Amino acid sequence: MVYDIRSISQVGTSEPFELQLARGQIPGHRFVHRLGRVPAMSQNTTGTVWDIDDTLYPWSAWNTAGTITVSRADAGDADKDVIITGLDADYNPVSTTITLTNATGNTSATVFSRIDLVRMNGTSVNVGQINVLKGATTVARILTGVGQSLKGTYTVPAGFTAYLTQGAMTIQNGADATGTFYYRVPGDRFLIGHTFEVASSEYSYAFTCPFPLPEKTDIDVRASVRTNNALVTAAYDIILIQNRGPL
């Protein structure tokens, strides 16, 4: 017996929008899932949910676009490849691969205006910490043995509008915090788009109507922890829709 193993969408029958989006079947649409984790946010401290404890993300380092430098802390990571994805000077998606040949750091030829994700290339993870610097400022980090950055920030690329569909935050058992979703459109300050409380469990929220964020908007998810050394995670889903040109 011969079975037809093609997807139903390939034989003229419709599938749910979300599945078509995930399969790249809807022109001008992209799906983005962002996740961040801060290992140990201190009591009475507010910080971005990313790989560095007790710090707000250093957005000022991106006041101008420029090259970045990737450094390794352990000789065991020598000659490994690191993939950096983000946005170029015009806020268009860009990616580059840097080989860790220099003990003091390797500088990219590619110019970035934002960094979204840093990850190790290949089958091995990093032996020691990997830092990405813009000038003297750390703008991304891969913690030892993790293999990729876990950075709860994002910037909407040029030519797209982002629609935030849902978000979530968790905190370790016995701890509690205030979570805040900040966003900044070009030329403005950071504003609060959503705020909530989370205690010893997960907070999850699905937007009845997706939250629109125009091109070049910066997103920063922060936690204000009231219990010492709390591990916090954050995640959110975005649908990017390409902007239409003049009619």
Protein backbone atom coordinates (compact mmCIF):
# COMPACT_ATOMS: atom_id res chain seq x y z
CA MET A 1 0.00 0.00 0.00
CA VAL A 2 1.30 3.48 -0.90
CA TYR A 3 0.58 6.38 1.43
CA ASP A 4 0.48 10.02 0.43
CA ILE A 5 2.72 11.63 3.07
CA ARG A 6 2.49 15.17 1.71
CA SER A 7 1.13 17.86 4.01
CA ILE A 8 -2.49 18.74 3.40
CA SER A 9 -1.39 22.29 2.57
CA GLN A 10 0.46 20.89 -0.44
CA VAL A 11 -2.65 19.36 -1.88
CA GLY A 12 -4.95 22.35 -1.68
CA THR A 13 -6.45 22.03 1.83
CA SER A 14 -5.99 24.90 4.29
CA GLU A 15 -4.03 24.68 7.53
CA PRO A 16 -4.15 26.94 10.61
CA PHE A 17 -2.50 30.33 10.19
CA GLU A 18 0.11 29.58 12.87
CA LEU A 19 1.27 26.42 11.11
CA GLN A 20 1.48 28.15 7.75
CA LEU A 21 3.49 30.95 9.38
CA ALA A 22 5.91 28.51 11.02
CA ARG A 23 6.43 26.79 7.65
CA GLY A 24 7.20 30.04 5.85
CA GLN A 25 4.15 29.84 3.61
CA ILE A 26 2.84 33.37 4.21
CA PRO A 27 4.76 36.02 2.23
CA GLY A 28 5.91 39.05 4.21
CA HIS A 29 5.38 37.35 7.58
CA ARG A 30 7.96 35.99 10.04
CA PHE A 31 7.69 34.40 13.48
CA VAL A 32 10.07 35.41 16.29
CA HIS A 33 10.38 33.69 19.68
CA ARG A 34 12.53 35.54 22.21
CA LEU A 35 13.78 34.14 25.51
CA GLY A 36 15.94 35.49 28.27
CA ARG A 37 17.32 34.27 31.58
CA VAL A 38 19.12 36.01 34.41
CA PRO A 39 20.89 33.53 36.71
CA ALA A 40 20.65 35.38 40.05
CA MET A 41 19.03 38.78 40.34
CA SER A 42 19.72 40.32 43.74
CA GLN A 43 17.09 41.43 46.23
CA ASN A 44 15.66 44.93 45.66
CA THR A 45 17.37 45.12 42.27
CA THR A 46 15.90 45.89 38.86
CA GLY A 47 17.60 44.51 35.80
CA THR A 48 17.07 43.25 32.29
CA VAL A 49 16.39 39.53 31.97
CA TRP A 50 19.63 38.59 30.23
CA ASP A 51 22.89 36.77 30.93
CA ILE A 52 24.37 39.35 33.32
CA ASP A 53 23.02 39.66 36.87
CA ASP A 54 21.81 42.95 38.35
CA THR A 55 22.22 45.10 35.24
CA LEU A 56 20.05 47.03 32.83
CA TYR A 57 20.89 46.33 29.21
CA PRO A 58 23.42 48.97 28.00
CA TRP A 59 21.40 50.46 25.14
CA SER A 60 23.63 53.56 25.07
CA ALA A 61 26.43 51.43 23.60
CA TRP A 62 24.34 51.38 20.40
CA ASN A 63 24.01 55.15 20.05
CA THR A 64 26.10 54.62 16.93
CA ALA A 65 26.55 51.49 14.83
CA GLY A 66 29.93 49.82 14.77
CA THR A 67 31.95 46.64 14.81
CA ILE A 68 31.95 44.25 17.74
CA THR A 69 34.65 42.18 19.42
CA VAL A 70 34.17 38.60 20.64
CA SER A 71 36.41 37.40 23.46
CA ARG A 72 36.88 34.03 25.16
CA ALA A 73 37.71 33.38 28.79
CA ASP A 74 39.01 29.81 28.40
CA ALA A 75 41.70 28.45 26.11
CA GLY A 76 39.43 25.46 25.50
CA ASP A 77 37.36 27.68 23.21
CA ALA A 78 40.27 28.59 20.96
CA ASP A 79 39.47 28.33 17.24
CA LYS A 80 35.76 27.74 17.82
CA ASP A 81 33.25 29.60 15.67
CA VAL A 82 30.70 32.02 17.11
CA ILE A 83 27.67 33.16 15.08
CA ILE A 84 26.35 36.65 15.78
CA THR A 85 22.99 37.78 14.39
CA GLY A 86 21.48 41.22 14.68
CA LEU A 87 20.82 44.36 12.65
CA ASP A 88 23.16 46.38 10.44
CA ALA A 89 23.52 50.17 10.38
CA ASP A 90 20.23 50.46 8.47
CA TYR A 91 18.43 48.06 10.86
CA ASN A 92 18.31 45.25 8.33
CA PRO A 93 19.03 41.68 9.52
CA VAL A 94 22.69 40.71 9.34
CA SER A 95 24.78 37.78 10.53
CA THR A 96 28.47 37.00 10.76
CA THR A 97 30.69 34.20 12.01
CA ILE A 98 33.82 34.93 14.06
CA THR A 99 36.53 32.37 14.78
CA LEU A 100 38.10 32.72 18.22
CA THR A 101 41.73 32.72 17.14
CA ASN A 102 42.96 35.56 19.33
CA ALA A 103 43.15 35.17 23.10
CA THR A 104 42.41 38.87 23.58
CA GLY A 105 39.41 38.92 21.24
CA ASN A 106 38.47 38.94 17.55
CA THR A 107 36.82 41.94 15.92
CA SER A 108 34.14 41.68 13.26
CA ALA A 109 34.32 43.22 9.81
CA THR A 110 30.53 43.46 9.93
CA VAL A 111 28.93 46.61 11.35
CA PHE A 112 26.04 46.16 13.79
CA SER A 113 23.45 48.54 15.22
CA ARG A 114 21.96 45.83 17.47
CA ILE A 115 22.78 42.25 18.56
CA ASP A 116 19.94 39.74 18.87
CA LEU A 117 21.55 36.34 19.34
CA VAL A 118 25.03 34.91 19.86
CA ARG A 119 25.60 31.18 19.63
CA MET A 120 28.37 28.66 19.25
CA ASN A 121 28.61 27.02 15.84
CA GLY A 122 28.99 23.26 15.53
CA THR A 123 28.36 20.43 17.96
CA SER A 124 30.40 21.63 20.95
CA VAL A 125 29.33 24.25 23.48
CA ASN A 126 31.62 26.80 25.08
CA VAL A 127 34.03 25.70 27.81
CA GLY A 128 34.22 29.18 29.32
CA GLN A 129 32.37 32.44 29.14
CA ILE A 130 32.10 34.23 25.78
CA ASN A 131 31.64 38.01 25.72
CA VAL A 132 30.60 40.29 22.87
CA LEU A 133 31.73 43.88 23.29
CA LYS A 134 30.84 47.13 21.56
CA GLY A 135 33.82 49.26 22.42
CA ALA A 136 34.45 48.56 26.10
CA THR A 137 30.84 47.58 26.87
CA THR A 138 29.56 44.00 27.02
CA VAL A 139 26.42 43.84 24.84
CA ALA A 140 25.95 40.05 24.81
CA ARG A 141 27.28 37.05 26.71
CA ILE A 142 27.26 33.27 26.47
CA LEU A 143 27.54 31.76 29.93
CA THR A 144 29.82 28.77 30.48
CA GLY A 145 28.43 25.60 28.91
CA VAL A 146 25.20 27.19 27.66
CA GLY A 147 26.11 27.51 23.98
CA GLN A 148 24.05 30.63 23.24
CA SER A 149 23.03 33.98 24.69
CA LEU A 150 19.72 34.20 26.55
CA LYS A 151 18.84 37.85 26.09
CA GLY A 152 15.32 39.16 26.70
CA THR A 153 15.83 42.16 24.42
CA TYR A 154 14.89 42.61 20.78
CA THR A 155 14.76 45.32 18.12
CA VAL A 156 12.23 45.33 15.29
CA PRO A 157 14.01 45.30 11.91
CA ALA A 158 13.50 48.03 9.32
CA GLY A 159 10.54 47.55 7.02
CA PHE A 160 8.51 45.48 9.49
CA THR A 161 5.93 45.99 12.21
CA ALA A 162 6.09 43.58 15.14
CA TYR A 163 2.91 42.24 16.72
CA LEU A 164 3.43 40.93 20.24
CA THR A 165 1.04 38.02 20.76
CA GLN A 166 1.98 36.67 24.20
CA GLY A 167 4.57 36.72 26.93
CA ALA A 168 5.63 34.77 30.00
CA MET A 169 7.95 35.06 32.99
CA THR A 170 9.04 32.56 35.61
CA ILE A 171 10.87 32.94 38.91
CA GLN A 172 12.44 30.33 41.14
CA ASN A 173 10.40 28.80 43.94
CA GLY A 174 10.17 30.98 47.02
CA ALA A 175 10.93 34.23 45.19
CA ASP A 176 8.75 37.00 43.80
CA ALA A 177 9.19 39.98 41.49
CA THR A 178 7.54 42.64 39.40
CA GLY A 179 7.98 42.06 35.69
CA THR A 180 7.84 44.92 33.19
CA PHE A 181 7.73 44.92 29.40
CA TYR A 182 9.39 48.10 28.15
CA TYR A 183 9.46 49.38 24.59
CA ARG A 184 11.05 52.41 22.91
CA VAL A 185 10.12 53.73 19.49
CA PRO A 186 12.84 55.73 17.68
CA GLY A 187 13.30 59.19 19.14
CA ASP A 188 11.38 58.47 22.36
CA ARG A 189 12.18 57.11 25.82
CA PHE A 190 11.35 53.65 27.13
CA LEU A 191 7.67 53.27 27.96
CA ILE A 192 5.83 50.55 29.91
CA GLY A 193 3.76 48.32 27.64
CA HIS A 194 2.80 45.71 30.23
CA THR A 195 3.54 45.09 33.92
CA PHE A 196 2.71 42.17 36.21
CA GLU A 197 3.59 40.24 39.36
CA VAL A 198 5.16 36.80 39.44
CA ALA A 199 5.74 34.66 42.54
CA SER A 200 7.17 31.11 42.80
CA SER A 201 5.62 30.15 39.47
CA GLU A 202 4.86 31.32 35.94
CA TYR A 203 3.06 34.41 34.72
CA SER A 204 1.60 34.11 31.22
CA TYR A 205 -0.44 36.56 29.20
CA ALA A 206 -1.95 36.28 25.71
CA PHE A 207 -2.90 39.57 24.10
CA THR A 208 -6.50 39.53 22.89
CA CYS A 209 -5.39 41.97 20.20
CA PRO A 210 -1.66 41.75 19.36
CA PHE A 211 0.41 44.70 20.62
CA PRO A 212 1.84 46.58 17.57
CA LEU A 213 5.45 47.81 17.64
CA PRO A 214 6.79 49.80 14.66
CA GLU A 215 10.10 49.27 12.90
CA LYS A 216 13.28 49.98 14.89
CA THR A 217 11.43 49.72 18.23
CA ASP A 218 13.61 48.41 21.09
CA ILE A 219 12.14 45.86 23.53
CA ASP A 220 13.53 45.30 27.03
CA VAL A 221 11.99 42.86 29.56
CA ARG A 222 13.02 43.66 33.15
CA ALA A 223 12.45 42.17 36.57
CA SER A 224 12.43 43.91 39.95
CA VAL A 225 13.22 41.13 42.42
CA ARG A 226 12.25 41.23 46.09
CA THR A 227 13.99 37.97 47.10
CA ASN A 228 17.75 37.58 46.93
CA ASN A 229 19.46 35.60 44.18
CA ALA A 230 16.34 34.79 42.17
CA LEU A 231 16.69 33.05 38.83
CA VAL A 232 14.27 34.68 36.39
CA THR A 233 13.30 33.72 32.85
CA ALA A 234 11.22 35.57 30.27
CA ALA A 235 9.84 34.66 26.86
CA TYR A 236 7.61 36.32 24.28
CA ASP A 237 6.26 35.65 20.81
CA ILE A 238 6.17 38.13 17.95
CA ILE A 239 4.79 38.06 14.43
CA LEU A 240 6.70 40.33 12.06
CA ILE A 241 4.67 41.66 9.13
CA GLN A 242 6.36 43.48 6.30
CA ASN A 243 5.18 47.06 5.87
CA ARG A 244 3.30 47.88 2.70
CA GLY A 245 4.65 50.47 0.28
CA PRO A 246 2.63 53.36 -1.13
CA LEU A 247 -0.63 52.31 -2.79
